[in-house]
Amino acid sequence: MESKQAELELSLIKKMMEDTRKLNIDNGIHYIFWGILVALGLLINYLMLVFKFYTKYIGFVWLVMMVSGAVADILIGKYQSKRSKVSTYAGRILTSLWLASGVAMFIYGFVGSFSGAYNPIFICPVIATSLGISYFTSGSIQQLGWLRSVSFGWWAGAIVMFVFPGIHTLLIFAIMIIMLQIVPGLLLNKKSKELFTENA
């Protein structure tokens, strides 16, 4: 019984490795899209606080941006899945990973803060910690060491924001989003286009 279980586990691991070799590298569109949207939201949030401009609507602004972003992201995902010629086990795991991560961050950002579970100033480091987990796992699945290493930047930034909380964490997190999400997204997009050209 144990030997059969071990064989099953090994076959699943082998399938994932084979799928990863076949998997067209993540084109980075989702990284870029969410990176731009969140960086813009952080900047708006920061300016609203600095100039004390409709601060009571900050939560509403984020809710509208995130829900709109989620709808747009679903449409982008459906469009890409129609164009994709190959659906792999590893690809489905990646999709599940980022979907679960997105749900978790939505809960951290809205339910956690509005329920009073913690001070909203800690939303950024909490989400950065979660992103570190997602990047480490995503990089491991795709066998991209550099993408896995990006997680250490998220975790280092989270530590800084936890230790030195304040309004400035919004700007720190915005810079992290640009450097650790948009830039990797652009690199993935460039690599994806190169692979597409090679296979054309």
N, C-alpha and C. Protein backbone atom coordinates (compact mmCIF):
# COMPACT_ATOMS: atom_id res chain seq x y z
N MET A 1 0.83 -1.21 0.00
CA MET A 1 0.00 0.00 0.00
C MET A 1 0.87 1.26 0.00
N GLU A 2 1.89 1.26 0.87
CA GLU A 2 2.78 2.42 0.96
C GLU A 2 3.58 2.60 -0.33
N SER A 3 4.00 1.47 -0.94
CA SER A 3 4.77 1.55 -2.17
C SER A 3 3.92 2.13 -3.31
N LYS A 4 2.61 1.77 -3.34
CA LYS A 4 1.72 2.30 -4.36
C LYS A 4 1.52 3.81 -4.18
N GLN A 5 1.41 4.23 -2.91
CA GLN A 5 1.27 5.65 -2.60
C GLN A 5 2.51 6.42 -3.03
N ALA A 6 3.68 5.83 -2.75
CA ALA A 6 4.94 6.46 -3.13
C ALA A 6 5.05 6.58 -4.64
N GLU A 7 4.63 5.53 -5.35
CA GLU A 7 4.67 5.56 -6.82
C GLU A 7 3.75 6.64 -7.37
N LEU A 8 2.57 6.77 -6.75
CA LEU A 8 1.61 7.79 -7.18
C LEU A 8 2.17 9.19 -6.99
N GLU A 9 2.80 9.41 -5.82
CA GLU A 9 3.39 10.71 -5.53
C GLU A 9 4.53 11.03 -6.50
N LEU A 10 5.35 10.01 -6.79
CA LEU A 10 6.46 10.21 -7.73
C LEU A 10 5.95 10.52 -9.13
N SER A 11 4.85 9.85 -9.54
CA SER A 11 4.30 10.08 -10.87
C SER A 11 3.74 11.50 -10.98
N LEU A 12 3.14 12.00 -9.88
CA LEU A 12 2.62 13.37 -9.87
C LEU A 12 3.76 14.38 -9.98
N ILE A 13 4.84 14.12 -9.24
CA ILE A 13 6.01 15.00 -9.29
C ILE A 13 6.61 15.00 -10.69
N LYS A 14 6.70 13.80 -11.29
CA LYS A 14 7.25 13.67 -12.64
C LYS A 14 6.39 14.43 -13.64
N LYS A 15 5.05 14.32 -13.48
CA LYS A 15 4.13 15.00 -14.38
C LYS A 15 4.29 16.51 -14.27
N MET A 16 4.45 17.00 -13.03
CA MET A 16 4.63 18.44 -12.84
C MET A 16 5.91 18.93 -13.50
N MET A 17 6.99 18.13 -13.37
CA MET A 17 8.26 18.53 -13.97
C MET A 17 8.17 18.54 -15.49
N GLU A 18 7.49 17.53 -16.05
CA GLU A 18 7.31 17.48 -17.50
C GLU A 18 6.45 18.64 -17.98
N ASP A 19 5.39 18.92 -17.21
CA ASP A 19 4.50 20.03 -17.55
C ASP A 19 5.23 21.35 -17.52
N THR A 20 6.10 21.51 -16.54
CA THR A 20 6.83 22.77 -16.39
C THR A 20 7.75 22.98 -17.58
N ARG A 21 8.34 21.89 -18.10
CA ARG A 21 9.19 22.02 -19.28
C ARG A 21 8.36 22.45 -20.49
N LYS A 22 7.12 21.94 -20.56
CA LYS A 22 6.24 22.28 -21.68
C LYS A 22 5.60 23.65 -21.48
N LEU A 23 5.47 24.06 -20.23
CA LEU A 23 4.71 25.27 -19.90
C LEU A 23 5.34 26.50 -20.53
N ASN A 24 4.52 27.19 -21.30
CA ASN A 24 4.98 28.46 -21.84
C ASN A 24 5.12 29.40 -20.65
N ILE A 25 6.29 29.94 -20.46
CA ILE A 25 6.58 30.74 -19.27
C ILE A 25 5.50 31.81 -19.07
N ASP A 26 5.15 32.07 -17.84
CA ASP A 26 4.15 33.08 -17.49
C ASP A 26 4.47 34.37 -18.24
N ASN A 27 3.51 34.90 -18.98
CA ASN A 27 3.79 36.09 -19.80
C ASN A 27 3.85 37.39 -19.00
N GLY A 28 3.60 37.33 -17.70
CA GLY A 28 3.78 38.50 -16.84
C GLY A 28 2.70 39.56 -16.92
N ILE A 29 1.67 39.34 -17.76
CA ILE A 29 0.61 40.35 -17.92
C ILE A 29 -0.11 40.64 -16.60
N HIS A 30 -0.40 39.58 -15.84
CA HIS A 30 -1.11 39.76 -14.57
C HIS A 30 -0.24 40.53 -13.57
N TYR A 31 1.06 40.26 -13.58
CA TYR A 31 1.99 40.97 -12.69
C TYR A 31 1.96 42.47 -13.01
N ILE A 32 2.06 42.78 -14.31
CA ILE A 32 2.10 44.17 -14.75
C ILE A 32 0.77 44.87 -14.45
N PHE A 33 -0.33 44.21 -14.79
CA PHE A 33 -1.66 44.80 -14.60
C PHE A 33 -1.91 45.14 -13.13
N TRP A 34 -1.72 44.13 -12.24
CA TRP A 34 -1.97 44.37 -10.82
C TRP A 34 -0.94 45.32 -10.22
N GLY A 35 0.28 45.26 -10.73
CA GLY A 35 1.33 46.15 -10.24
C GLY A 35 0.99 47.62 -10.48
N ILE A 36 0.56 47.92 -11.71
CA ILE A 36 0.19 49.29 -12.05
C ILE A 36 -1.03 49.73 -11.24
N LEU A 37 -2.04 48.86 -11.15
CA LEU A 37 -3.27 49.20 -10.44
C LEU A 37 -3.02 49.48 -8.95
N VAL A 38 -2.26 48.58 -8.30
CA VAL A 38 -2.00 48.73 -6.87
C VAL A 38 -1.07 49.92 -6.59
N ALA A 39 -0.05 50.11 -7.43
CA ALA A 39 0.86 51.25 -7.25
C ALA A 39 0.08 52.56 -7.36
N LEU A 40 -0.84 52.62 -8.32
CA LEU A 40 -1.69 53.80 -8.49
C LEU A 40 -2.58 54.00 -7.26
N GLY A 41 -3.16 52.90 -6.76
CA GLY A 41 -4.01 52.97 -5.57
C GLY A 41 -3.24 53.45 -4.35
N LEU A 42 -2.01 52.98 -4.19
CA LEU A 42 -1.17 53.39 -3.06
C LEU A 42 -0.85 54.88 -3.12
N LEU A 43 -0.56 55.36 -4.33
CA LEU A 43 -0.25 56.78 -4.50
C LEU A 43 -1.48 57.64 -4.18
N ILE A 44 -2.64 57.23 -4.68
CA ILE A 44 -3.89 57.96 -4.39
C ILE A 44 -4.17 57.96 -2.89
N ASN A 45 -3.99 56.77 -2.27
CA ASN A 45 -4.19 56.62 -0.82
C ASN A 45 -3.27 57.57 -0.05
N TYR A 46 -2.01 57.63 -0.44
CA TYR A 46 -1.02 58.47 0.23
C TYR A 46 -1.40 59.95 0.11
N LEU A 47 -1.77 60.38 -1.10
CA LEU A 47 -2.12 61.79 -1.32
C LEU A 47 -3.40 62.17 -0.57
N MET A 48 -4.36 61.25 -0.50
CA MET A 48 -5.60 61.52 0.24
C MET A 48 -5.31 61.73 1.73
N LEU A 49 -4.35 60.96 2.26
CA LEU A 49 -3.99 61.10 3.67
C LEU A 49 -3.18 62.36 3.92
N VAL A 50 -2.23 62.65 3.05
CA VAL A 50 -1.37 63.82 3.23
C VAL A 50 -2.17 65.12 3.16
N PHE A 51 -3.07 65.20 2.17
CA PHE A 51 -3.85 66.42 1.99
C PHE A 51 -5.22 66.37 2.67
N LYS A 52 -5.42 65.27 3.46
CA LYS A 52 -6.69 65.10 4.18
C LYS A 52 -7.90 65.32 3.26
N PHE A 53 -7.83 64.65 2.12
CA PHE A 53 -8.84 64.81 1.08
C PHE A 53 -9.76 63.59 1.03
N TYR A 54 -11.00 63.75 1.52
CA TYR A 54 -11.99 62.67 1.52
C TYR A 54 -11.42 61.36 2.09
N THR A 55 -10.72 61.46 3.21
CA THR A 55 -10.07 60.28 3.79
C THR A 55 -11.05 59.18 4.20
N LYS A 56 -12.30 59.56 4.49
CA LYS A 56 -13.27 58.55 4.91
C LYS A 56 -13.68 57.64 3.74
N TYR A 57 -13.29 58.04 2.53
CA TYR A 57 -13.64 57.23 1.35
C TYR A 57 -12.48 56.36 0.86
N ILE A 58 -11.38 56.34 1.61
CA ILE A 58 -10.22 55.56 1.19
C ILE A 58 -10.57 54.09 0.98
N GLY A 59 -11.29 53.52 1.94
CA GLY A 59 -11.69 52.11 1.84
C GLY A 59 -12.56 51.85 0.62
N PHE A 60 -13.46 52.79 0.33
CA PHE A 60 -14.36 52.66 -0.81
C PHE A 60 -13.56 52.72 -2.12
N VAL A 61 -12.58 53.63 -2.18
CA VAL A 61 -11.74 53.76 -3.38
C VAL A 61 -11.02 52.44 -3.65
N TRP A 62 -10.44 51.83 -2.58
CA TRP A 62 -9.76 50.56 -2.73
C TRP A 62 -10.71 49.45 -3.16
N LEU A 63 -11.89 49.43 -2.58
CA LEU A 63 -12.88 48.40 -2.93
C LEU A 63 -13.25 48.47 -4.40
N VAL A 64 -13.52 49.68 -4.89
CA VAL A 64 -13.87 49.85 -6.30
C VAL A 64 -12.72 49.42 -7.20
N MET A 65 -11.49 49.84 -6.85
CA MET A 65 -10.32 49.51 -7.66
C MET A 65 -10.06 48.01 -7.69
N MET A 66 -10.18 47.36 -6.54
CA MET A 66 -9.88 45.93 -6.47
C MET A 66 -10.94 45.07 -7.15
N VAL A 67 -12.21 45.43 -6.96
CA VAL A 67 -13.28 44.67 -7.61
C VAL A 67 -13.21 44.85 -9.12
N SER A 68 -13.00 46.10 -9.56
CA SER A 68 -12.87 46.37 -11.00
C SER A 68 -11.66 45.64 -11.57
N GLY A 69 -10.56 45.65 -10.81
CA GLY A 69 -9.35 44.96 -11.24
C GLY A 69 -9.57 43.47 -11.36
N ALA A 70 -10.29 42.88 -10.39
CA ALA A 70 -10.56 41.45 -10.41
C ALA A 70 -11.39 41.06 -11.63
N VAL A 71 -12.40 41.87 -11.95
CA VAL A 71 -13.24 41.61 -13.12
C VAL A 71 -12.41 41.69 -14.40
N ALA A 72 -11.58 42.74 -14.51
CA ALA A 72 -10.73 42.90 -15.69
C ALA A 72 -9.73 41.75 -15.79
N ASP A 73 -9.18 41.33 -14.65
CA ASP A 73 -8.20 40.24 -14.64
C ASP A 73 -8.83 38.92 -15.08
N ILE A 74 -10.07 38.68 -14.68
CA ILE A 74 -10.78 37.47 -15.10
C ILE A 74 -10.97 37.48 -16.62
N LEU A 75 -11.34 38.63 -17.16
CA LEU A 75 -11.53 38.75 -18.60
C LEU A 75 -10.21 38.54 -19.35
N ILE A 76 -9.12 39.09 -18.79
CA ILE A 76 -7.79 38.90 -19.39
C ILE A 76 -7.42 37.42 -19.37
N GLY A 77 -7.69 36.77 -18.22
CA GLY A 77 -7.38 35.35 -18.08
C GLY A 77 -8.16 34.49 -19.06
N LYS A 78 -9.44 34.80 -19.26
CA LYS A 78 -10.27 34.04 -20.20
C LYS A 78 -9.77 34.23 -21.63
N TYR A 79 -9.38 35.45 -21.95
CA TYR A 79 -8.86 35.75 -23.29
C TYR A 79 -7.57 34.96 -23.54
N GLN A 80 -6.70 34.93 -22.52
CA GLN A 80 -5.43 34.23 -22.66
C GLN A 80 -5.63 32.71 -22.76
N SER A 81 -6.59 32.18 -21.99
CA SER A 81 -6.84 30.74 -22.02
C SER A 81 -7.38 30.29 -23.37
N LYS A 82 -8.13 31.18 -24.04
CA LYS A 82 -8.65 30.85 -25.37
C LYS A 82 -7.51 30.81 -26.40
N ARG A 83 -6.54 31.70 -26.20
CA ARG A 83 -5.40 31.76 -27.13
C ARG A 83 -4.37 30.67 -26.86
N SER A 84 -4.34 30.18 -25.62
CA SER A 84 -3.34 29.18 -25.24
C SER A 84 -3.64 27.84 -25.91
N LYS A 85 -2.61 27.22 -26.43
CA LYS A 85 -2.76 25.95 -27.12
C LYS A 85 -2.59 24.77 -26.16
N VAL A 86 -1.92 25.01 -25.04
CA VAL A 86 -1.61 23.92 -24.11
C VAL A 86 -2.09 24.26 -22.70
N SER A 87 -2.78 23.30 -22.08
CA SER A 87 -3.18 23.44 -20.68
C SER A 87 -2.46 22.36 -19.90
N THR A 88 -1.64 22.76 -18.93
CA THR A 88 -0.85 21.79 -18.19
C THR A 88 -1.23 21.77 -16.71
N TYR A 89 -0.84 20.69 -16.06
CA TYR A 89 -1.10 20.54 -14.63
C TYR A 89 -0.39 21.65 -13.86
N ALA A 90 0.87 21.92 -14.23
CA ALA A 90 1.65 22.97 -13.57
C ALA A 90 1.01 24.34 -13.78
N GLY A 91 0.47 24.56 -14.99
CA GLY A 91 -0.20 25.83 -15.28
C GLY A 91 -1.44 26.02 -14.44
N ARG A 92 -2.19 24.94 -14.24
CA ARG A 92 -3.40 25.02 -13.41
C ARG A 92 -3.04 25.27 -11.95
N ILE A 93 -1.93 24.71 -11.50
CA ILE A 93 -1.48 24.95 -10.13
C ILE A 93 -1.09 26.41 -9.95
N LEU A 94 -0.42 26.99 -10.95
CA LEU A 94 -0.05 28.41 -10.89
C LEU A 94 -1.29 29.29 -10.81
N THR A 95 -2.29 28.97 -11.61
CA THR A 95 -3.53 29.73 -11.59
C THR A 95 -4.19 29.65 -10.21
N SER A 96 -4.21 28.43 -9.65
CA SER A 96 -4.81 28.23 -8.32
C SER A 96 -4.03 28.98 -7.25
N LEU A 97 -2.71 28.97 -7.37
CA LEU A 97 -1.85 29.65 -6.41
C LEU A 97 -2.18 31.15 -6.35
N TRP A 98 -2.23 31.81 -7.51
CA TRP A 98 -2.45 33.24 -7.54
C TRP A 98 -3.89 33.61 -7.22
N LEU A 99 -4.83 32.72 -7.55
CA LEU A 99 -6.22 32.96 -7.17
C LEU A 99 -6.37 32.93 -5.65
N ALA A 100 -5.77 31.89 -5.03
CA ALA A 100 -5.82 31.77 -3.57
C ALA A 100 -5.11 32.94 -2.90
N SER A 101 -3.99 33.36 -3.48
CA SER A 101 -3.24 34.49 -2.94
C SER A 101 -4.07 35.77 -3.01
N GLY A 102 -4.76 35.96 -4.14
CA GLY A 102 -5.60 37.14 -4.31
C GLY A 102 -6.74 37.19 -3.31
N VAL A 103 -7.38 36.04 -3.08
CA VAL A 103 -8.46 35.96 -2.10
C VAL A 103 -7.93 36.29 -0.70
N ALA A 104 -6.78 35.71 -0.36
CA ALA A 104 -6.17 35.95 0.95
C ALA A 104 -5.86 37.43 1.15
N MET A 105 -5.29 38.07 0.12
CA MET A 105 -4.95 39.50 0.23
C MET A 105 -6.19 40.37 0.33
N PHE A 106 -7.27 39.96 -0.35
CA PHE A 106 -8.54 40.69 -0.25
C PHE A 106 -9.06 40.63 1.19
N ILE A 107 -8.96 39.45 1.80
CA ILE A 107 -9.41 39.27 3.19
C ILE A 107 -8.54 40.10 4.14
N TYR A 108 -7.20 40.04 3.93
CA TYR A 108 -6.30 40.84 4.77
C TYR A 108 -6.62 42.33 4.65
N GLY A 109 -6.81 42.78 3.41
CA GLY A 109 -6.98 44.21 3.17
C GLY A 109 -8.30 44.78 3.61
N PHE A 110 -9.36 44.00 3.46
CA PHE A 110 -10.69 44.54 3.77
C PHE A 110 -11.28 43.98 5.06
N VAL A 111 -11.43 42.68 5.14
CA VAL A 111 -12.05 42.08 6.33
C VAL A 111 -11.18 42.32 7.57
N GLY A 112 -9.87 42.09 7.44
CA GLY A 112 -8.98 42.25 8.58
C GLY A 112 -8.97 43.65 9.16
N SER A 113 -8.94 44.65 8.28
CA SER A 113 -8.87 46.04 8.77
C SER A 113 -10.23 46.55 9.22
N PHE A 114 -11.28 46.29 8.44
CA PHE A 114 -12.60 46.80 8.80
C PHE A 114 -13.17 46.14 10.05
N SER A 115 -12.73 44.92 10.34
CA SER A 115 -13.19 44.23 11.55
C SER A 115 -12.47 44.73 12.80
N GLY A 116 -11.39 45.50 12.58
CA GLY A 116 -10.61 46.02 13.70
C GLY A 116 -9.62 45.02 14.25
N ALA A 117 -9.37 43.96 13.49
CA ALA A 117 -8.43 42.92 13.94
C ALA A 117 -7.02 43.48 14.09
N TYR A 118 -6.67 44.45 13.25
CA TYR A 118 -5.36 45.09 13.36
C TYR A 118 -5.43 46.48 12.73
N ASN A 119 -4.43 47.28 13.05
CA ASN A 119 -4.34 48.64 12.53
C ASN A 119 -4.13 48.58 11.02
N PRO A 120 -4.91 49.34 10.23
CA PRO A 120 -4.78 49.33 8.77
C PRO A 120 -3.38 49.64 8.26
N ILE A 121 -2.56 50.28 9.08
CA ILE A 121 -1.20 50.61 8.66
C ILE A 121 -0.37 49.36 8.41
N PHE A 122 -0.84 48.23 8.97
CA PHE A 122 -0.10 46.97 8.81
C PHE A 122 -0.59 46.12 7.63
N ILE A 123 -1.53 46.65 6.85
CA ILE A 123 -2.01 45.92 5.67
C ILE A 123 -0.87 45.67 4.69
N CYS A 124 -0.06 46.70 4.43
CA CYS A 124 1.03 46.58 3.46
C CYS A 124 2.04 45.48 3.83
N PRO A 125 2.57 45.46 5.06
CA PRO A 125 3.52 44.39 5.37
C PRO A 125 2.88 43.00 5.39
N VAL A 126 1.62 42.91 5.78
CA VAL A 126 0.93 41.61 5.78
C VAL A 126 0.81 41.09 4.35
N ILE A 127 0.39 41.97 3.44
CA ILE A 127 0.25 41.57 2.04
C ILE A 127 1.61 41.27 1.41
N ALA A 128 2.63 42.04 1.79
CA ALA A 128 3.99 41.79 1.28
C ALA A 128 4.47 40.41 1.70
N THR A 129 4.16 40.01 2.93
CA THR A 129 4.53 38.68 3.43
C THR A 129 3.85 37.60 2.59
N SER A 130 2.57 37.80 2.30
CA SER A 130 1.80 36.86 1.49
C SER A 130 2.35 36.78 0.07
N LEU A 131 2.71 37.92 -0.49
CA LEU A 131 3.28 37.94 -1.84
C LEU A 131 4.62 37.20 -1.89
N GLY A 132 5.39 37.30 -0.82
CA GLY A 132 6.65 36.58 -0.74
C GLY A 132 6.43 35.07 -0.88
N ILE A 133 5.41 34.56 -0.20
CA ILE A 133 5.07 33.13 -0.29
C ILE A 133 4.69 32.77 -1.72
N SER A 134 3.86 33.61 -2.34
CA SER A 134 3.38 33.33 -3.70
C SER A 134 4.51 33.36 -4.72
N TYR A 135 5.41 34.35 -4.58
CA TYR A 135 6.52 34.44 -5.53
C TYR A 135 7.49 33.27 -5.35
N PHE A 136 7.74 32.88 -4.12
CA PHE A 136 8.65 31.75 -3.87
C PHE A 136 8.08 30.48 -4.49
N THR A 137 6.77 30.25 -4.30
CA THR A 137 6.12 29.06 -4.83
C THR A 137 6.04 29.10 -6.35
N SER A 138 5.67 30.26 -6.89
CA SER A 138 5.56 30.41 -8.35
C SER A 138 6.91 30.19 -9.03
N GLY A 139 7.96 30.77 -8.46
CA GLY A 139 9.30 30.60 -9.01
C GLY A 139 9.74 29.15 -8.96
N SER A 140 9.35 28.44 -7.91
CA SER A 140 9.72 27.03 -7.76
C SER A 140 9.00 26.17 -8.80
N ILE A 141 7.70 26.44 -9.00
CA ILE A 141 6.92 25.68 -9.98
C ILE A 141 7.46 25.88 -11.39
N GLN A 142 7.83 27.13 -11.71
CA GLN A 142 8.33 27.44 -13.05
C GLN A 142 9.83 27.18 -13.20
N GLN A 143 10.46 26.77 -12.10
CA GLN A 143 11.90 26.51 -12.09
C GLN A 143 12.67 27.76 -12.54
N LEU A 144 12.25 28.91 -11.98
CA LEU A 144 12.92 30.18 -12.24
C LEU A 144 13.51 30.69 -10.93
N GLY A 145 14.81 30.46 -10.77
CA GLY A 145 15.47 30.85 -9.53
C GLY A 145 15.38 32.33 -9.23
N TRP A 146 15.50 33.17 -10.27
CA TRP A 146 15.46 34.62 -10.04
C TRP A 146 14.09 35.07 -9.55
N LEU A 147 13.02 34.42 -10.05
CA LEU A 147 11.68 34.79 -9.62
C LEU A 147 11.45 34.34 -8.17
N ARG A 148 11.99 33.19 -7.84
CA ARG A 148 11.89 32.71 -6.46
C ARG A 148 12.64 33.64 -5.51
N SER A 149 13.75 34.19 -5.97
CA SER A 149 14.56 35.09 -5.14
C SER A 149 13.86 36.41 -4.86
N VAL A 150 12.92 36.79 -5.73
CA VAL A 150 12.16 38.03 -5.54
C VAL A 150 11.41 38.01 -4.20
N SER A 151 11.05 36.80 -3.76
CA SER A 151 10.31 36.66 -2.50
C SER A 151 11.09 37.24 -1.32
N PHE A 152 12.42 37.14 -1.36
CA PHE A 152 13.21 37.67 -0.25
C PHE A 152 13.11 39.20 -0.18
N GLY A 153 12.93 39.84 -1.32
CA GLY A 153 12.71 41.28 -1.34
C GLY A 153 11.38 41.64 -0.68
N TRP A 154 10.34 40.83 -0.97
CA TRP A 154 9.03 41.06 -0.33
C TRP A 154 9.13 40.89 1.18
N TRP A 155 9.81 39.84 1.61
CA TRP A 155 9.90 39.57 3.06
C TRP A 155 10.75 40.63 3.77
N ALA A 156 11.84 41.06 3.12
CA ALA A 156 12.69 42.10 3.72
C ALA A 156 11.90 43.40 3.87
N GLY A 157 11.16 43.75 2.82
CA GLY A 157 10.33 44.96 2.87
C GLY A 157 9.26 44.86 3.94
N ALA A 158 8.67 43.67 4.08
CA ALA A 158 7.63 43.46 5.10
C ALA A 158 8.20 43.70 6.50
N ILE A 159 9.42 43.21 6.73
CA ILE A 159 10.05 43.39 8.05
C ILE A 159 10.24 44.88 8.34
N VAL A 160 10.73 45.62 7.34
CA VAL A 160 10.95 47.06 7.50
C VAL A 160 9.63 47.77 7.83
N MET A 161 8.57 47.41 7.11
CA MET A 161 7.27 48.07 7.33
C MET A 161 6.63 47.68 8.65
N PHE A 162 6.90 46.45 9.11
CA PHE A 162 6.40 46.03 10.43
C PHE A 162 7.12 46.78 11.55
N VAL A 163 8.44 46.91 11.40
CA VAL A 163 9.27 47.52 12.45
C VAL A 163 9.11 49.04 12.47
N PHE A 164 8.95 49.65 11.28
CA PHE A 164 8.83 51.11 11.19
C PHE A 164 7.50 51.48 10.52
N PRO A 165 6.37 51.27 11.22
CA PRO A 165 5.07 51.56 10.61
C PRO A 165 4.81 53.07 10.52
N GLY A 166 3.96 53.44 9.57
CA GLY A 166 3.60 54.85 9.40
C GLY A 166 3.07 55.08 8.00
N ILE A 167 2.68 56.31 7.74
CA ILE A 167 2.12 56.65 6.43
C ILE A 167 3.12 56.39 5.30
N HIS A 168 4.42 56.47 5.63
CA HIS A 168 5.46 56.26 4.63
C HIS A 168 5.47 54.84 4.08
N THR A 169 4.83 53.90 4.81
CA THR A 169 4.81 52.51 4.32
C THR A 169 4.06 52.41 2.99
N LEU A 170 3.14 53.34 2.75
CA LEU A 170 2.43 53.35 1.47
C LEU A 170 3.38 53.60 0.31
N LEU A 171 4.32 54.53 0.52
CA LEU A 171 5.30 54.83 -0.52
C LEU A 171 6.31 53.70 -0.66
N ILE A 172 6.73 53.13 0.49
CA ILE A 172 7.66 52.00 0.46
C ILE A 172 7.05 50.84 -0.31
N PHE A 173 5.78 50.55 -0.01
CA PHE A 173 5.09 49.44 -0.66
C PHE A 173 4.91 49.72 -2.16
N ALA A 174 4.64 50.98 -2.52
CA ALA A 174 4.50 51.34 -3.94
C ALA A 174 5.80 51.10 -4.70
N ILE A 175 6.93 51.46 -4.07
CA ILE A 175 8.24 51.22 -4.68
C ILE A 175 8.49 49.72 -4.82
N MET A 176 8.10 48.96 -3.78
CA MET A 176 8.25 47.50 -3.84
C MET A 176 7.41 46.90 -4.96
N ILE A 177 6.20 47.42 -5.12
CA ILE A 177 5.32 46.93 -6.19
C ILE A 177 5.96 47.15 -7.55
N ILE A 178 6.55 48.33 -7.74
CA ILE A 178 7.19 48.65 -9.02
C ILE A 178 8.40 47.74 -9.26
N MET A 179 9.27 47.63 -8.23
CA MET A 179 10.52 46.89 -8.39
C MET A 179 10.34 45.36 -8.34
N LEU A 180 9.40 44.90 -7.51
CA LEU A 180 9.27 43.46 -7.27
C LEU A 180 8.07 42.82 -7.97
N GLN A 181 7.25 43.63 -8.63
CA GLN A 181 6.12 43.05 -9.36
C GLN A 181 6.07 43.51 -10.82
N ILE A 182 6.10 44.83 -11.04
CA ILE A 182 6.03 45.31 -12.42
C ILE A 182 7.28 44.93 -13.20
N VAL A 183 8.46 45.15 -12.62
CA VAL A 183 9.72 44.81 -13.31
C VAL A 183 9.81 43.31 -13.60
N PRO A 184 9.56 42.42 -12.61
CA PRO A 184 9.54 40.98 -12.94
C PRO A 184 8.51 40.65 -14.01
N GLY A 185 7.35 41.32 -13.97
CA GLY A 185 6.32 41.09 -14.97
C GLY A 185 6.82 41.45 -16.37
N LEU A 186 7.54 42.56 -16.48
CA LEU A 186 8.11 42.97 -17.76
C LEU A 186 9.16 41.97 -18.24
N LEU A 187 9.97 41.46 -17.31
CA LEU A 187 10.99 40.47 -17.68
C LEU A 187 10.34 39.17 -18.16
N LEU A 188 9.29 38.74 -17.45
CA LEU A 188 8.56 37.53 -17.86
C LEU A 188 7.91 37.74 -19.23
N ASN A 189 7.36 38.93 -19.45
CA ASN A 189 6.71 39.22 -20.72
C ASN A 189 7.72 39.18 -21.88
N LYS A 190 8.90 39.75 -21.63
CA LYS A 190 9.95 39.74 -22.65
C LYS A 190 10.38 38.32 -22.98
N LYS A 191 10.58 37.49 -21.92
CA LYS A 191 11.00 36.10 -22.12
C LYS A 191 9.92 35.30 -22.84
N SER A 192 8.67 35.56 -22.50
CA SER A 192 7.54 34.88 -23.12
C SER A 192 7.49 35.18 -24.62
N LYS A 193 7.71 36.43 -24.98
CA LYS A 193 7.71 36.81 -26.40
C LYS A 193 8.85 36.16 -27.15
N GLU A 194 10.01 36.06 -26.49
CA GLU A 194 11.17 35.41 -27.10
C GLU A 194 10.88 33.94 -27.38
N LEU A 195 10.26 33.26 -26.40
CA LEU A 195 9.92 31.84 -26.56
C LEU A 195 8.87 31.67 -27.66
N PHE A 196 7.91 32.58 -27.71
CA PHE A 196 6.87 32.52 -28.73
C PHE A 196 7.48 32.65 -30.13
N THR A 197 8.45 33.57 -30.26
CA THR A 197 9.13 33.79 -31.55
C THR A 197 9.92 32.56 -31.96
N GLU A 198 10.60 31.94 -30.95
CA GLU A 198 11.40 30.74 -31.23
C GLU A 198 10.52 29.57 -31.68
N ASN A 199 9.33 29.45 -31.08
CA ASN A 199 8.45 28.32 -31.38
C ASN A 199 7.54 28.57 -32.58
N ALA A 200 7.57 29.82 -33.08
CA ALA A 200 6.67 30.16 -34.20
C ALA A 200 7.13 29.49 -35.49
